[in-house]
Amino acid sequence: MGEDGQGGNLEIGGRPILESVIRFGTDGWRGRIAEDFTFANVSRCAQGVADYLKNQGIEEQGLVVGYDTRFLSKQFAETVASVCAGNGIKVYLAAKFAPTPVITYNVLHRQAAGAAIITASHNPALWNGFKFKPSYAGSATQEITDQLEAAIAAAGAARSIPLDQAEAQGLVTVFDPDPPYLERIGTLVDVESIRKAGMSLLVDVMFGAGAGYITRLLSGGATQIQELHSEVNPAFPGIAQPEPIAQNLPQLMQRVQDDRSSVGLALDGDADRLGVVDENGRFITTLEVFTLLALYLLQEKGRRGPVVKGVTSSMMLNKLGEMFGVEVHEMKVGFKYIGPQMTSVDALIGGEESGGFAFQGHIPERDGILSGLLFLEYMARTGRTPSQLVDHLFDLVGPHYYHRRDVEFNPDDRQRIEGLLADEGLDQLAGMPVTGSDQIDGRRLRFENAWLASRFSGTEPLLRIYAEAGSPEQLTALLDAAQEYLGV
């Protein structure tokens, strides 16, 4: 069983159809619908969660259950509710699909033992997933996921009762998750300043659970908002997957230009990640967005506190740390590492290359909606366009260019690739001397004004190759050289 949570003992066409072991990767368990992500396996997973809560002695606090817009997500969530109710655990079941940060915030609001969320986030349409958020309303730590996996493996037959019976007995309460979350966001963002700014916004919700939220929060003022792909369509037509990166946003990028919009925002399938397109239709990289949000809090709002970053995030953040006198903590990729560290050091902001950012005073978890609103607040407060914000950033820290390549690989090649990643003898790449390296997550090489990292995805069968450099030419040379060196 690989770290992506795939495996089994029955196969069709070489693919597992019955999951024998359920693994939680960097953010929950994910699998292909009807192959390993089945009602039987979701029931097993829910039984394991119920047993875990009882083992911890926190089952009386209840469990929040939510879901996204994917195929059968609602029915899978109802299965989780039925199993937990069958174990005598009180369940708060979302009345509709909702973003992961919305459901997660309700854990704090209700002081629940945690949340189970049916979502595969940004994965392609054939996938679904099961996220568990503990009582602190963040991603489950490695220790917790280890305990969950053990509880799931040890679980016997799932004990469940019909949903209507559970509701009649008061074990399941169907609730609207939005009001507490929207109220909280209103305390974190100067919504009125954005409404008054007179911007023209395009928001691509990518057929996902984030539909309507930014519009509801900002409507009623001079700023105009239009949503793209706000209808529910679990096939995610026209895009490889609902991930807010440049190759999935051609329509948003073109529409921003055609409509002369102020900015384009994009949310992934469960709205915990953000993508930004500037007024010229250029995709602003996630590393730039993360750094801009940190700069906004540090420079414009005058706040201070540590920054927690995934190891594949920008070195621009390290430069800001030196400039403003704040610590920068580098972690493995995934909020199961970043979130706990944020809590430990009371971080001002935390985030990762994938476009997920979290903020002090909220949940220690990614929130694409809040991230987008803070970016808009930055624009409203300074009167700058997105491209002007990037120019201002580069004036401070110098130009930085970034790209990530996701490469499919033959599983039989994994050991060979791992050997190359572990090789400490590499002293140059693309004609550039290696000045340092680390293995915080995968392998990262550092150069005079650049870095390159390679690591296996924790949620998909992909090798991810990342690089940041001072020029586009240097960036391309590093990525090409890495692929050649790794033979992928």
Protein backbone atom coordinates (compact mmCIF):
# COMPACT_ATOMS: atom_id res chain seq x y z
CA MET A 1 0.00 0.00 0.00
CA GLY A 2 1.51 3.31 -1.08
CA GLU A 3 1.16 6.64 0.69
CA ASP A 4 -1.63 7.61 -1.68
CA GLY A 5 -3.92 5.15 0.06
CA GLN A 6 -4.38 2.72 -2.80
CA GLY A 7 -4.23 -1.06 -2.71
CA GLY A 8 -6.44 -4.08 -2.36
CA ASN A 9 -6.89 -7.77 -2.94
CA LEU A 10 -9.38 -7.90 -5.80
CA GLU A 11 -8.57 -6.33 -9.15
CA ILE A 12 -10.17 -5.42 -12.45
CA GLY A 13 -7.79 -4.33 -15.17
CA GLY A 14 -4.99 -4.16 -12.64
CA ARG A 15 -6.90 -1.77 -10.36
CA PRO A 16 -8.15 -2.61 -6.87
CA ILE A 17 -11.90 -2.86 -6.35
CA LEU A 18 -11.90 -3.87 -2.69
CA GLU A 19 -9.74 -1.84 -0.34
CA SER A 20 -8.04 -4.01 2.24
CA VAL A 21 -6.10 -1.24 3.97
CA ILE A 22 -7.24 2.39 4.32
CA ARG A 23 -4.38 4.88 4.48
CA PHE A 24 -4.49 8.60 5.22
CA GLY A 25 -2.03 10.55 3.05
CA THR A 26 -1.11 14.22 3.47
CA ASP A 27 -4.80 15.11 3.87
CA GLY A 28 -7.13 12.18 4.45
CA TRP A 29 -7.93 8.96 2.62
CA ARG A 30 -8.68 9.18 -1.09
CA GLY A 31 -9.64 6.58 -3.65
CA ARG A 32 -11.36 6.00 -6.96
CA ILE A 33 -15.13 5.91 -6.69
CA ALA A 34 -16.55 2.36 -6.99
CA GLU A 35 -13.07 0.83 -7.02
CA ASP A 36 -11.72 1.44 -3.53
CA PHE A 37 -13.89 4.37 -2.48
CA THR A 38 -17.05 2.31 -1.92
CA PHE A 39 -19.94 2.45 0.53
CA ALA A 40 -18.53 -0.62 2.26
CA ASN A 41 -15.13 0.99 2.76
CA VAL A 42 -16.58 4.36 3.77
CA SER A 43 -18.63 2.45 6.38
CA ARG A 44 -15.46 0.77 7.62
CA CYS A 45 -13.72 4.13 7.79
CA ALA A 46 -16.65 5.64 9.71
CA GLN A 47 -16.66 2.71 12.14
CA GLY A 48 -12.97 3.25 12.75
CA VAL A 49 -13.57 6.95 13.43
CA ALA A 50 -16.36 6.06 15.87
CA ASP A 51 -14.07 3.61 17.65
CA TYR A 52 -11.27 6.19 17.73
CA LEU A 53 -13.55 8.81 19.32
CA LYS A 54 -14.63 6.28 21.95
CA ASN A 55 -11.04 5.24 22.61
CA GLN A 56 -10.22 8.91 23.23
CA GLY A 57 -13.25 9.33 25.49
CA ILE A 58 -14.59 12.28 23.48
CA GLU A 59 -17.55 10.68 21.70
CA GLU A 60 -20.08 12.67 23.75
CA GLN A 61 -18.90 15.89 22.06
CA GLY A 62 -20.35 14.67 18.79
CA LEU A 63 -19.09 14.67 15.22
CA VAL A 64 -19.71 17.22 12.45
CA VAL A 65 -20.22 15.60 9.02
CA GLY A 66 -19.99 17.51 5.73
CA TYR A 67 -19.48 16.89 2.03
CA ASP A 68 -18.64 18.52 -1.31
CA THR A 69 -20.22 18.48 -4.80
CA ARG A 70 -18.64 15.25 -6.04
CA PHE A 71 -20.52 12.22 -7.29
CA LEU A 72 -22.33 10.51 -4.38
CA SER A 73 -20.66 12.74 -1.76
CA LYS A 74 -23.99 13.44 -0.05
CA GLN A 75 -24.84 9.74 0.10
CA PHE A 76 -21.37 8.86 1.42
CA ALA A 77 -21.77 11.53 4.13
CA GLU A 78 -25.16 10.10 5.09
CA THR A 79 -23.48 6.69 5.39
CA VAL A 80 -20.94 8.17 7.81
CA ALA A 81 -23.77 9.74 9.82
CA SER A 82 -25.70 6.45 9.95
CA VAL A 83 -22.65 4.51 11.17
CA CYS A 84 -21.68 7.04 13.83
CA ALA A 85 -25.29 7.25 15.03
CA GLY A 86 -25.35 3.45 15.15
CA ASN A 87 -22.48 3.73 17.62
CA GLY A 88 -24.42 6.16 19.78
CA ILE A 89 -22.42 9.20 18.66
CA LYS A 90 -24.27 12.47 18.12
CA VAL A 91 -23.89 13.68 14.55
CA TYR A 92 -24.32 17.19 13.14
CA LEU A 93 -24.96 16.54 9.44
CA ALA A 94 -24.64 19.44 6.99
CA ALA A 95 -27.91 20.19 5.22
CA LYS A 96 -26.07 20.90 1.94
CA PHE A 97 -22.65 20.70 0.37
CA ALA A 98 -20.21 23.15 1.92
CA PRO A 99 -16.51 24.07 1.75
CA THR A 100 -14.09 22.19 3.97
CA PRO A 101 -13.17 25.35 5.96
CA VAL A 102 -16.87 26.03 6.61
CA ILE A 103 -17.44 22.53 8.00
CA THR A 104 -14.14 22.68 9.89
CA TYR A 105 -15.02 25.97 11.58
CA ASN A 106 -18.22 24.38 12.87
CA VAL A 107 -16.07 21.97 14.89
CA LEU A 108 -14.92 24.93 16.98
CA HIS A 109 -18.34 26.57 16.98
CA ARG A 110 -20.02 23.43 18.33
CA GLN A 111 -17.05 22.30 20.43
CA ALA A 112 -17.36 18.95 18.67
CA ALA A 113 -14.93 16.06 18.85
CA GLY A 114 -14.10 16.57 15.20
CA ALA A 115 -15.43 16.48 11.66
CA ALA A 116 -15.63 13.90 8.91
CA ILE A 117 -15.76 15.49 5.47
CA ILE A 118 -16.43 13.63 2.23
CA THR A 119 -14.25 15.38 -0.34
CA ALA A 120 -11.31 14.69 -2.61
CA SER A 121 -10.46 18.38 -2.71
CA HIS A 122 -8.64 19.04 -6.01
CA ASN A 123 -8.41 15.44 -7.30
CA PRO A 124 -9.91 14.44 -10.68
CA ALA A 125 -13.59 13.55 -11.00
CA LEU A 126 -13.16 9.79 -10.57
CA TRP A 127 -11.88 10.31 -7.02
CA ASN A 128 -13.50 10.94 -3.67
CA GLY A 129 -12.09 11.14 -0.19
CA PHE A 130 -12.58 11.16 3.56
CA LYS A 131 -10.98 13.91 5.65
CA PHE A 132 -10.95 13.87 9.43
CA LYS A 133 -10.55 17.14 11.34
CA PRO A 134 -9.89 16.77 15.09
CA SER A 135 -11.35 18.96 17.85
CA TYR A 136 -8.81 21.74 17.24
CA ALA A 137 -10.30 22.21 13.73
CA GLY A 138 -7.21 21.52 11.68
CA SER A 139 -5.70 18.68 9.70
CA ALA A 140 -5.12 15.51 11.68
CA THR A 141 -1.52 15.08 12.82
CA GLN A 142 0.51 12.02 11.87
CA GLU A 143 -0.06 10.64 15.38
CA ILE A 144 -3.83 10.95 15.01
CA THR A 145 -3.89 9.47 11.49
CA ASP A 146 -1.81 6.53 12.73
CA GLN A 147 -4.38 5.93 15.47
CA LEU A 148 -7.24 6.29 13.00
CA GLU A 149 -5.69 3.81 10.58
CA ALA A 150 -5.19 1.33 13.43
CA ALA A 151 -8.80 1.78 14.58
CA ILE A 152 -10.10 1.29 11.02
CA ALA A 153 -7.99 -1.82 10.53
CA ALA A 154 -9.24 -3.27 13.81
CA ALA A 155 -12.89 -2.31 13.28
CA GLY A 156 -15.38 -5.10 12.91
CA ALA A 157 -18.57 -4.87 10.89
CA ALA A 158 -19.94 -1.33 10.80
CA ARG A 159 -22.84 -0.72 13.16
CA SER A 160 -25.40 1.62 11.63
CA ILE A 161 -29.01 2.66 11.86
CA PRO A 162 -31.21 4.23 9.16
CA LEU A 163 -30.81 7.98 8.90
CA ASP A 164 -34.49 8.78 9.50
CA GLN A 165 -34.45 6.63 12.62
CA ALA A 166 -31.28 8.35 13.82
CA GLU A 167 -32.92 11.75 13.31
CA ALA A 168 -36.05 10.64 15.17
CA GLN A 169 -33.91 9.50 18.09
CA GLY A 170 -32.03 12.80 18.18
CA LEU A 171 -28.74 11.18 17.20
CA VAL A 172 -28.51 13.08 13.92
CA THR A 173 -29.21 16.80 13.63
CA VAL A 174 -29.28 18.30 10.15
CA PHE A 175 -27.95 21.87 10.27
CA ASP A 176 -26.95 24.85 8.12
CA PRO A 177 -23.16 25.21 8.46
CA ASP A 178 -22.98 28.70 6.93
CA PRO A 179 -24.12 31.25 9.57
CA PRO A 180 -21.37 30.69 12.18
CA TYR A 181 -18.68 30.70 9.50
CA LEU A 182 -19.93 33.82 7.74
CA GLU A 183 -20.17 35.64 11.06
CA ARG A 184 -16.59 34.67 11.87
CA ILE A 185 -15.27 35.85 8.50
CA GLY A 186 -16.92 39.22 9.14
CA THR A 187 -14.67 39.68 12.17
CA LEU A 188 -11.49 38.83 10.24
CA VAL A 189 -11.97 40.86 7.07
CA ASP A 190 -13.01 44.47 6.44
CA VAL A 191 -15.77 43.36 4.12
CA GLU A 192 -17.22 46.85 3.85
CA SER A 193 -14.00 48.29 2.42
CA ILE A 194 -14.11 45.69 -0.36
CA ARG A 195 -17.79 46.38 -1.08
CA LYS A 196 -17.07 50.11 -1.37
CA ALA A 197 -13.95 49.68 -3.53
CA GLY A 198 -15.90 49.43 -6.78
CA MET A 199 -13.97 46.44 -8.07
CA SER A 200 -15.10 44.10 -10.80
CA LEU A 201 -14.52 40.52 -9.63
CA LEU A 202 -14.64 37.20 -11.42
CA VAL A 203 -14.76 34.17 -9.15
CA ASP A 204 -14.27 30.69 -10.65
CA VAL A 205 -15.59 28.15 -8.14
CA MET A 206 -14.67 25.24 -10.44
CA PHE A 207 -18.03 23.43 -10.02
CA GLY A 208 -17.17 23.06 -6.36
CA ALA A 209 -18.48 23.64 -2.87
CA GLY A 210 -17.33 27.28 -2.74
CA ALA A 211 -20.19 28.46 -4.97
CA GLY A 212 -21.91 31.59 -3.67
CA TYR A 213 -19.82 32.35 -0.59
CA ILE A 214 -17.73 35.29 -1.79
CA THR A 215 -20.77 36.69 -3.61
CA ARG A 216 -22.90 36.51 -0.44
CA LEU A 217 -20.21 38.18 1.64
CA LEU A 218 -19.51 41.06 -0.76
CA SER A 219 -22.83 41.82 -2.48
CA GLY A 220 -24.74 45.02 -1.84
CA GLY A 221 -22.02 47.58 -2.57
CA ALA A 222 -20.17 49.18 -5.48
CA THR A 223 -18.08 46.07 -6.10
CA GLN A 224 -19.53 43.74 -8.72
CA ILE A 225 -19.07 39.97 -8.52
CA GLN A 226 -19.68 37.35 -11.19
CA GLU A 227 -19.16 33.64 -10.66
CA LEU A 228 -17.99 31.10 -13.23
CA HIS A 229 -18.81 27.39 -13.09
CA SER A 230 -21.07 27.76 -10.07
CA GLU A 231 -23.38 24.94 -11.17
CA VAL A 232 -22.92 21.49 -9.68
CA ASN A 233 -21.28 19.13 -12.15
CA PRO A 234 -19.19 16.34 -10.61
CA ALA A 235 -17.57 15.63 -13.99
CA PHE A 236 -15.72 18.99 -13.77
CA PRO A 237 -16.09 19.47 -17.55
CA GLY A 238 -13.34 21.25 -19.41
CA ILE A 239 -10.71 20.84 -16.71
CA ALA A 240 -8.47 17.95 -15.71
CA GLN A 241 -9.32 18.49 -12.06
CA PRO A 242 -10.72 21.30 -9.86
CA GLU A 243 -7.32 22.63 -8.84
CA PRO A 244 -6.89 26.42 -9.14
CA ILE A 245 -3.67 26.43 -11.16
CA ALA A 246 -2.99 28.08 -14.52
CA GLN A 247 -3.67 25.11 -16.81
CA ASN A 248 -7.14 24.67 -15.30
CA LEU A 249 -8.12 28.34 -15.52
CA PRO A 250 -7.91 29.38 -19.21
CA GLN A 251 -11.50 30.63 -19.26
CA LEU A 252 -11.04 32.72 -16.12
CA MET A 253 -7.79 34.19 -17.47
CA GLN A 254 -9.43 35.08 -20.79
CA ARG A 255 -12.57 36.47 -19.19
CA VAL A 256 -10.59 38.74 -16.88
CA GLN A 257 -8.98 40.27 -19.98
CA ASP A 258 -12.17 40.45 -22.03
CA ASP A 259 -14.26 41.92 -19.21
CA ARG A 260 -11.47 44.19 -17.98
CA SER A 261 -12.02 42.82 -14.51
CA SER A 262 -10.06 44.02 -11.48
CA VAL A 263 -9.02 40.50 -10.52
CA GLY A 264 -9.96 36.87 -10.90
CA LEU A 265 -10.16 34.47 -7.98
CA ALA A 266 -10.47 30.68 -8.16
CA LEU A 267 -11.37 28.15 -5.48
CA ASP A 268 -10.66 24.44 -5.65
CA GLY A 269 -13.30 21.71 -5.26
CA ASP A 270 -13.70 22.08 -1.51
CA ALA A 271 -12.67 25.76 -1.39
CA ASP A 272 -9.66 25.38 0.89
CA ARG A 273 -7.25 26.56 -1.84
CA LEU A 274 -7.00 29.84 -3.75
CA GLY A 275 -5.78 30.82 -7.20
CA VAL A 276 -5.44 34.46 -8.33
CA VAL A 277 -5.41 35.98 -11.83
CA ASP A 278 -4.26 39.59 -12.20
CA GLU A 279 -6.04 42.32 -14.15
CA ASN A 280 -4.08 41.42 -17.30
CA GLY A 281 -5.18 37.77 -17.22
CA ARG A 282 -1.84 36.49 -15.86
CA PHE A 283 -1.97 33.72 -13.28
CA ILE A 284 -0.20 34.88 -10.12
CA THR A 285 1.72 31.89 -8.81
CA THR A 286 0.71 30.40 -5.48
CA LEU A 287 4.15 31.28 -4.11
CA GLU A 288 3.58 34.93 -5.01
CA VAL A 289 0.10 34.89 -3.47
CA PHE A 290 1.36 33.36 -0.22
CA THR A 291 4.14 35.93 0.00
CA LEU A 292 1.79 38.81 -0.83
CA LEU A 293 -0.61 37.78 1.93
CA ALA A 294 2.27 37.62 4.40
CA LEU A 295 3.53 41.01 3.21
CA TYR A 296 0.07 42.51 3.63
CA LEU A 297 -0.17 41.39 7.24
CA LEU A 298 3.38 42.46 8.05
CA GLN A 299 3.67 45.75 6.17
CA GLU A 300 0.18 47.19 5.78
CA LYS A 301 -1.46 45.85 8.94
CA GLY A 302 1.68 46.07 11.05
CA ARG A 303 1.20 42.65 12.59
CA ARG A 304 4.02 40.43 13.79
CA GLY A 305 4.31 36.71 14.32
CA PRO A 306 6.07 33.67 12.91
CA VAL A 307 5.47 32.42 9.36
CA VAL A 308 5.06 28.67 8.81
CA LYS A 309 5.69 27.44 5.27
CA GLY A 310 5.81 24.14 3.46
CA VAL A 311 9.30 23.36 2.24
CA THR A 312 8.23 23.92 -1.39
CA SER A 313 6.99 27.46 -0.70
CA SER A 314 8.89 30.58 -1.75
CA MET A 315 12.23 31.74 -0.42
CA MET A 316 10.68 35.21 -0.69
CA LEU A 317 9.04 34.41 2.65
CA ASN A 318 12.45 33.88 4.22
CA LYS A 319 13.52 37.27 2.89
CA LEU A 320 10.42 38.88 4.40
CA GLY A 321 11.20 37.17 7.68
CA GLU A 322 14.63 38.82 7.75
CA MET A 323 13.19 42.15 6.66
CA PHE A 324 10.46 42.30 9.31
CA GLY A 325 12.22 40.40 12.07
CA VAL A 326 9.94 37.36 12.25
CA GLU A 327 10.79 33.67 12.39
CA VAL A 328 10.12 31.45 9.37
CA HIS A 329 9.51 27.76 10.05
CA GLU A 330 9.92 25.27 7.17
CA MET A 331 7.86 22.09 7.36
CA LYS A 332 7.02 18.99 5.37
CA VAL A 333 4.30 19.50 2.76
CA GLY A 334 0.80 19.14 4.16
CA PHE A 335 -1.25 20.90 6.81
CA LYS A 336 -0.93 17.87 9.06
CA TYR A 337 2.55 19.32 9.67
CA ILE A 338 1.96 23.04 9.04
CA GLY A 339 -1.22 23.43 11.13
CA PRO A 340 0.15 22.00 14.40
CA GLN A 341 3.29 24.10 14.02
CA MET A 342 1.15 27.20 13.50
CA THR A 343 -0.63 26.46 16.76
CA SER A 344 2.63 25.70 18.56
CA VAL A 345 4.26 29.03 17.67
CA ASP A 346 1.05 31.11 17.34
CA ALA A 347 1.93 31.87 13.72
CA LEU A 348 0.68 34.91 11.88
CA ILE A 349 0.20 32.95 8.67
CA GLY A 350 0.89 29.47 7.42
CA GLY A 351 0.69 27.99 3.97
CA GLU A 352 1.98 25.73 1.26
CA GLU A 353 2.75 25.78 -2.43
CA SER A 354 -0.60 24.22 -3.34
CA GLY A 355 -2.45 27.49 -2.65
CA GLY A 356 -3.68 26.66 0.86
CA PHE A 357 -3.21 29.38 3.48
CA ALA A 358 -4.25 29.73 7.13
CA PHE A 359 -4.32 32.75 9.42
CA GLN A 360 -3.89 33.63 13.06
CA GLY A 361 -7.19 33.96 14.93
CA HIS A 362 -9.04 31.53 12.67
CA ILE A 363 -8.75 27.75 12.23
CA PRO A 364 -5.23 26.27 11.83
CA GLU A 365 -6.33 25.05 8.42
CA ARG A 366 -6.46 26.22 4.82
CA ASP A 367 -9.28 28.55 3.88
CA GLY A 368 -9.52 29.64 0.25
CA ILE A 369 -12.45 31.97 0.87
CA LEU A 370 -10.71 33.90 3.65
CA SER A 371 -7.48 33.96 1.61
CA GLY A 372 -9.30 35.49 -1.36
CA LEU A 373 -11.03 38.09 0.79
CA LEU A 374 -7.74 39.15 2.40
CA PHE A 375 -6.20 39.53 -1.06
CA LEU A 376 -9.13 41.78 -2.03
CA GLU A 377 -8.74 43.72 1.21
CA TYR A 378 -5.07 44.28 0.31
CA MET A 379 -6.14 45.71 -3.04
CA ALA A 380 -8.84 47.90 -1.46
CA ARG A 381 -6.55 49.19 1.28
CA THR A 382 -3.66 50.13 -1.03
CA GLY A 383 -5.55 51.00 -4.20
CA ARG A 384 -3.10 48.82 -6.14
CA THR A 385 -3.94 46.37 -8.90
CA PRO A 386 -2.76 42.76 -8.50
CA SER A 387 0.14 43.31 -10.92
CA GLN A 388 1.16 46.40 -8.98
CA LEU A 389 1.16 44.36 -5.77
CA VAL A 390 3.49 41.82 -7.39
CA ASP A 391 5.74 44.64 -8.67
CA HIS A 392 5.87 46.07 -5.15
CA LEU A 393 6.82 42.66 -3.76
CA PHE A 394 9.59 42.22 -6.34
CA ASP A 395 10.89 45.72 -5.55
CA LEU A 396 11.39 44.50 -1.98
CA VAL A 397 12.78 41.00 -2.49
CA GLY A 398 13.83 40.84 -6.15
CA PRO A 399 12.11 38.94 -8.98
CA HIS A 400 11.27 35.27 -8.38
CA TYR A 401 9.84 32.84 -10.92
CA TYR A 402 8.27 29.52 -10.02
CA HIS A 403 6.77 26.44 -11.66
CA ARG A 404 5.78 22.90 -10.67
CA ARG A 405 5.75 19.89 -12.95
CA ASP A 406 3.67 16.84 -12.02
CA VAL A 407 5.07 13.72 -13.64
CA GLU A 408 3.43 10.31 -13.74
CA PHE A 409 5.91 7.51 -13.09
CA ASN A 410 6.03 3.75 -13.27
CA PRO A 411 5.54 2.42 -9.70
CA ASP A 412 8.30 -0.09 -10.43
CA ASP A 413 10.63 2.90 -10.84
CA ARG A 414 9.93 4.37 -7.41
CA GLN A 415 12.89 2.76 -5.65
CA ARG A 416 15.27 3.91 -8.39
CA ILE A 417 13.95 7.48 -8.16
CA GLU A 418 14.14 7.44 -4.36
CA GLY A 419 17.79 6.40 -4.65
CA LEU A 420 18.54 9.37 -6.89
CA LEU A 421 16.72 11.74 -4.54
CA ALA A 422 18.79 10.47 -1.64
CA ASP A 423 22.11 10.84 -3.50
CA GLU A 424 24.21 13.44 -1.66
CA GLY A 425 26.90 13.44 -4.35
CA LEU A 426 25.13 15.75 -6.80
CA ASP A 427 27.13 19.00 -6.80
CA GLN A 428 25.67 20.82 -9.81
CA LEU A 429 22.55 20.88 -11.95
CA ALA A 430 21.88 22.81 -15.16
CA GLY A 431 25.41 24.19 -14.84
CA MET A 432 24.60 25.73 -11.45
CA PRO A 433 26.63 24.77 -8.34
CA VAL A 434 24.61 23.23 -5.50
CA THR A 435 25.13 25.35 -2.37
CA GLY A 436 23.13 23.16 0.00
CA SER A 437 20.44 20.50 0.27
CA ASP A 438 17.95 19.01 2.72
CA GLN A 439 15.46 16.18 2.92
CA ILE A 440 12.72 17.85 4.96
CA ASP A 441 10.30 16.41 2.41
CA GLY A 442 11.68 14.55 -0.58
CA ARG A 443 14.86 16.35 -1.70
CA ARG A 444 15.51 20.07 -2.01
CA LEU A 445 18.61 21.50 -3.65
CA ARG A 446 19.62 25.09 -3.02
CA PHE A 447 21.56 27.29 -5.44
CA GLU A 448 22.83 30.86 -5.21
CA ASN A 449 19.49 32.42 -6.16
CA ALA A 450 17.26 29.40 -6.76
CA TRP A 451 16.04 26.09 -5.41
CA LEU A 452 14.66 22.85 -6.79
CA ALA A 453 12.69 20.18 -4.93
CA SER A 454 11.34 16.77 -5.86
CA ARG A 455 8.90 14.69 -3.80
CA PHE A 456 6.23 12.06 -4.26
CA SER A 457 2.63 13.26 -3.91
CA GLY A 458 0.87 12.15 -0.77
CA THR A 459 -2.54 12.02 -2.47
CA GLU A 460 -1.88 11.06 -6.12
CA PRO A 461 0.50 8.71 -7.99
CA LEU A 462 2.72 11.57 -9.14
CA LEU A 463 6.27 12.80 -8.75
CA ARG A 464 6.18 16.55 -8.18
CA ILE A 465 9.16 18.65 -9.30
CA TYR A 466 9.26 22.25 -8.06
CA ALA A 467 11.63 25.11 -8.77
CA GLU A 468 12.03 28.81 -8.06
CA ALA A 469 14.65 30.99 -9.73
CA GLY A 470 15.58 34.56 -10.50
CA SER A 471 14.76 34.31 -14.22
CA PRO A 472 12.36 32.29 -16.42
CA GLU A 473 15.30 30.83 -18.36
CA GLN A 474 17.02 29.62 -15.20
CA LEU A 475 13.72 28.14 -14.00
CA THR A 476 13.16 26.11 -17.17
CA ALA A 477 16.75 24.92 -17.22
CA LEU A 478 16.46 23.60 -13.66
CA LEU A 479 13.21 21.74 -14.30
CA ASP A 480 14.49 20.19 -17.55
CA ALA A 481 17.73 19.12 -15.89
CA ALA A 482 15.84 17.58 -12.95
CA GLN A 483 13.65 15.49 -15.23
CA GLU A 484 16.67 14.32 -17.18
CA TYR A 485 18.57 13.45 -13.99
CA LEU A 486 15.63 11.54 -12.49
CA GLY A 487 14.78 9.84 -15.80
CA VAL A 488 11.09 10.77 -15.74
